[in-house]
Amino acid sequence: MLRLGLELPDRRMTLKAFVVPMHPVSDQAAFTGELQDYVKRTLLPYKYPRLVELLPELPKTGTDKIDRQALARRGM
């Protein structure tokens, strides 16, 4: 899971998590809720992601690092 701070259209900031599940997910809404509940219990409340996007894999740069700019462009 990778978290990024993103700006909403009304200029507020929020956290969005990009998640690559280890196993296929049949019910995305239930998986997202379960993930958010787990993060709320383990981290401080302001650190849990309000938005979650499931991806087959994280984009990589030419040097095989996670391409955060590509994820930020995916944004909202």
N, C-alpha and C. Protein backbone atom coordinates (compact mmCIF):
# COMPACT_ATOMS: atom_id res chain seq x y z
N MET A 1 0.85 -1.17 0.00
CA MET A 1 0.00 0.00 0.00
C MET A 1 0.89 1.22 0.00
N LEU A 2 0.54 2.17 -0.82
CA LEU A 2 1.25 3.44 -0.90
C LEU A 2 0.23 4.54 -0.70
N ARG A 3 0.54 5.48 0.19
CA ARG A 3 -0.38 6.59 0.45
C ARG A 3 0.20 7.88 -0.11
N LEU A 4 -0.68 8.70 -0.70
CA LEU A 4 -0.30 10.01 -1.20
C LEU A 4 -1.31 11.04 -0.74
N GLY A 5 -0.83 12.23 -0.44
CA GLY A 5 -1.72 13.34 -0.15
C GLY A 5 -2.17 13.97 -1.45
N LEU A 6 -3.48 14.12 -1.63
CA LEU A 6 -4.02 14.69 -2.85
C LEU A 6 -4.93 15.87 -2.52
N GLU A 7 -4.97 16.81 -3.44
CA GLU A 7 -5.83 17.98 -3.25
C GLU A 7 -7.18 17.73 -3.91
N LEU A 8 -8.25 17.92 -3.15
CA LEU A 8 -9.61 17.77 -3.67
C LEU A 8 -9.98 19.00 -4.50
N PRO A 9 -11.02 18.91 -5.32
CA PRO A 9 -11.42 20.07 -6.12
C PRO A 9 -11.75 21.31 -5.29
N ASP A 10 -12.20 21.12 -4.04
CA ASP A 10 -12.53 22.28 -3.19
C ASP A 10 -11.32 22.75 -2.37
N ARG A 11 -10.11 22.32 -2.78
CA ARG A 11 -8.82 22.75 -2.22
C ARG A 11 -8.47 22.11 -0.87
N ARG A 12 -9.29 21.18 -0.37
CA ARG A 12 -8.92 20.44 0.84
C ARG A 12 -7.95 19.34 0.46
N MET A 13 -7.19 18.87 1.45
CA MET A 13 -6.25 17.77 1.22
C MET A 13 -6.84 16.48 1.81
N THR A 14 -6.54 15.35 1.18
CA THR A 14 -6.97 14.05 1.67
C THR A 14 -5.91 13.01 1.35
N LEU A 15 -5.97 11.87 1.99
CA LEU A 15 -5.06 10.77 1.71
C LEU A 15 -5.74 9.75 0.81
N LYS A 16 -4.99 9.29 -0.18
CA LYS A 16 -5.48 8.24 -1.06
C LYS A 16 -4.47 7.11 -1.02
N ALA A 17 -4.95 5.89 -0.83
CA ALA A 17 -4.09 4.71 -0.80
C ALA A 17 -4.21 3.97 -2.12
N PHE A 18 -3.07 3.58 -2.66
CA PHE A 18 -3.01 2.73 -3.84
C PHE A 18 -2.58 1.36 -3.36
N VAL A 19 -3.44 0.37 -3.56
CA VAL A 19 -3.24 -0.96 -2.98
C VAL A 19 -3.17 -2.01 -4.09
N VAL A 20 -2.18 -2.90 -3.96
CA VAL A 20 -2.08 -4.05 -4.85
C VAL A 20 -2.40 -5.28 -4.00
N PRO A 21 -3.62 -5.83 -4.12
CA PRO A 21 -3.98 -6.99 -3.29
C PRO A 21 -3.17 -8.23 -3.68
N MET A 22 -2.87 -9.04 -2.67
CA MET A 22 -2.13 -10.28 -2.91
C MET A 22 -2.99 -11.33 -3.60
N HIS A 23 -4.30 -11.30 -3.33
CA HIS A 23 -5.24 -12.26 -3.91
C HIS A 23 -6.34 -11.48 -4.62
N PRO A 24 -6.99 -12.07 -5.61
CA PRO A 24 -8.09 -11.38 -6.30
C PRO A 24 -9.19 -10.97 -5.32
N VAL A 25 -9.74 -9.79 -5.54
CA VAL A 25 -10.79 -9.24 -4.67
C VAL A 25 -12.10 -9.26 -5.44
N SER A 26 -13.10 -9.93 -4.88
CA SER A 26 -14.40 -10.00 -5.56
C SER A 26 -15.30 -8.83 -5.18
N ASP A 27 -15.23 -8.38 -3.94
CA ASP A 27 -16.07 -7.27 -3.48
C ASP A 27 -15.17 -6.11 -3.04
N GLN A 28 -14.97 -5.15 -3.95
CA GLN A 28 -14.07 -4.04 -3.66
C GLN A 28 -14.53 -3.19 -2.50
N ALA A 29 -15.82 -2.96 -2.38
CA ALA A 29 -16.34 -2.11 -1.30
C ALA A 29 -16.07 -2.73 0.06
N ALA A 30 -16.29 -4.02 0.19
CA ALA A 30 -16.04 -4.70 1.46
C ALA A 30 -14.55 -4.72 1.78
N PHE A 31 -13.72 -4.97 0.77
CA PHE A 31 -12.27 -4.98 0.97
C PHE A 31 -11.77 -3.60 1.40
N THR A 32 -12.28 -2.56 0.75
CA THR A 32 -11.88 -1.19 1.09
C THR A 32 -12.29 -0.86 2.52
N GLY A 33 -13.51 -1.19 2.91
CA GLY A 33 -13.97 -0.93 4.28
C GLY A 33 -13.15 -1.67 5.32
N GLU A 34 -12.84 -2.93 5.02
CA GLU A 34 -12.04 -3.74 5.94
C GLU A 34 -10.63 -3.15 6.08
N LEU A 35 -10.05 -2.74 4.98
CA LEU A 35 -8.72 -2.13 5.00
C LEU A 35 -8.72 -0.83 5.80
N GLN A 36 -9.72 0.02 5.55
CA GLN A 36 -9.81 1.29 6.28
C GLN A 36 -10.02 1.06 7.78
N ASP A 37 -10.85 0.11 8.14
CA ASP A 37 -11.07 -0.20 9.56
C ASP A 37 -9.78 -0.66 10.22
N TYR A 38 -9.02 -1.51 9.54
CA TYR A 38 -7.76 -1.99 10.09
C TYR A 38 -6.78 -0.83 10.30
N VAL A 39 -6.67 0.04 9.31
CA VAL A 39 -5.74 1.17 9.41
C VAL A 39 -6.17 2.14 10.51
N LYS A 40 -7.48 2.34 10.66
CA LYS A 40 -7.99 3.22 11.73
C LYS A 40 -7.61 2.68 13.11
N ARG A 41 -7.63 1.35 13.26
CA ARG A 41 -7.29 0.75 14.56
C ARG A 41 -5.80 0.81 14.85
N THR A 42 -4.96 0.78 13.81
CA THR A 42 -3.52 0.68 14.03
C THR A 42 -2.78 2.01 13.94
N LEU A 43 -3.33 2.98 13.23
CA LEU A 43 -2.68 4.29 13.08
C LEU A 43 -3.52 5.37 13.75
N LEU A 44 -2.96 6.56 13.80
CA LEU A 44 -3.73 7.70 14.29
C LEU A 44 -4.87 7.99 13.33
N PRO A 45 -6.00 8.49 13.82
CA PRO A 45 -7.18 8.68 12.96
C PRO A 45 -6.94 9.54 11.72
N TYR A 46 -6.10 10.56 11.82
CA TYR A 46 -5.91 11.43 10.67
C TYR A 46 -5.03 10.80 9.58
N LYS A 47 -4.43 9.66 9.87
CA LYS A 47 -3.53 9.02 8.90
C LYS A 47 -4.23 7.98 8.02
N TYR A 48 -5.48 7.65 8.29
CA TYR A 48 -6.10 6.60 7.49
C TYR A 48 -6.56 7.18 6.15
N PRO A 49 -6.45 6.40 5.07
CA PRO A 49 -6.81 6.91 3.74
C PRO A 49 -8.32 6.99 3.55
N ARG A 50 -8.78 8.15 3.13
CA ARG A 50 -10.21 8.33 2.86
C ARG A 50 -10.59 7.72 1.52
N LEU A 51 -9.63 7.65 0.60
CA LEU A 51 -9.86 7.08 -0.73
C LEU A 51 -8.92 5.89 -0.91
N VAL A 52 -9.42 4.83 -1.54
CA VAL A 52 -8.61 3.65 -1.80
C VAL A 52 -8.82 3.24 -3.25
N GLU A 53 -7.72 3.00 -3.95
CA GLU A 53 -7.79 2.52 -5.33
C GLU A 53 -7.01 1.22 -5.42
N LEU A 54 -7.64 0.18 -5.94
CA LEU A 54 -6.98 -1.11 -6.12
C LEU A 54 -6.36 -1.15 -7.52
N LEU A 55 -5.10 -1.58 -7.57
CA LEU A 55 -4.37 -1.65 -8.83
C LEU A 55 -3.80 -3.05 -9.01
N PRO A 56 -3.63 -3.50 -10.26
CA PRO A 56 -2.98 -4.79 -10.48
C PRO A 56 -1.50 -4.75 -10.13
N GLU A 57 -0.86 -3.59 -10.34
CA GLU A 57 0.53 -3.38 -9.95
C GLU A 57 0.80 -1.88 -9.88
N LEU A 58 1.79 -1.50 -9.08
CA LEU A 58 2.16 -0.10 -8.97
C LEU A 58 3.04 0.29 -10.15
N PRO A 59 2.84 1.50 -10.71
CA PRO A 59 3.68 1.92 -11.83
C PRO A 59 5.13 2.12 -11.35
N LYS A 60 6.07 1.79 -12.22
CA LYS A 60 7.49 1.89 -11.87
C LYS A 60 8.18 2.85 -12.84
N THR A 61 9.26 3.44 -12.34
CA THR A 61 10.11 4.29 -13.18
C THR A 61 11.09 3.40 -13.92
N GLY A 62 11.96 4.02 -14.73
CA GLY A 62 12.98 3.27 -15.45
C GLY A 62 13.99 2.61 -14.54
N THR A 63 14.13 3.13 -13.31
CA THR A 63 15.07 2.55 -12.35
C THR A 63 14.38 1.61 -11.37
N ASP A 64 13.16 1.19 -11.72
CA ASP A 64 12.38 0.21 -10.95
C ASP A 64 11.96 0.70 -9.57
N LYS A 65 11.77 2.01 -9.45
CA LYS A 65 11.21 2.57 -8.21
C LYS A 65 9.74 2.89 -8.46
N ILE A 66 8.97 3.01 -7.39
CA ILE A 66 7.54 3.34 -7.55
C ILE A 66 7.42 4.74 -8.11
N ASP A 67 6.63 4.89 -9.17
CA ASP A 67 6.45 6.18 -9.84
C ASP A 67 5.33 6.96 -9.15
N ARG A 68 5.70 7.74 -8.15
CA ARG A 68 4.72 8.51 -7.38
C ARG A 68 4.06 9.58 -8.24
N GLN A 69 4.78 10.13 -9.20
CA GLN A 69 4.20 11.16 -10.08
C GLN A 69 3.08 10.57 -10.92
N ALA A 70 3.26 9.36 -11.42
CA ALA A 70 2.21 8.71 -12.20
C ALA A 70 0.97 8.45 -11.32
N LEU A 71 1.19 8.06 -10.07
CA LEU A 71 0.06 7.86 -9.17
C LEU A 71 -0.62 9.17 -8.86
N ALA A 72 0.14 10.23 -8.67
CA ALA A 72 -0.46 11.55 -8.38
C ALA A 72 -1.28 12.02 -9.58
N ARG A 73 -0.82 11.72 -10.80
CA ARG A 73 -1.58 12.10 -12.00
C ARG A 73 -2.89 11.33 -12.08
N ARG A 74 -2.90 10.08 -11.59
CA ARG A 74 -4.15 9.31 -11.54
C ARG A 74 -5.14 10.01 -10.64
N GLY A 75 -4.58 10.56 -9.54
CA GLY A 75 -5.32 11.39 -8.60
C GLY A 75 -6.74 10.98 -8.32
N MET A 76 -7.62 11.90 -8.57
CA MET A 76 -9.02 11.72 -8.22
C MET A 76 -9.73 11.00 -9.33
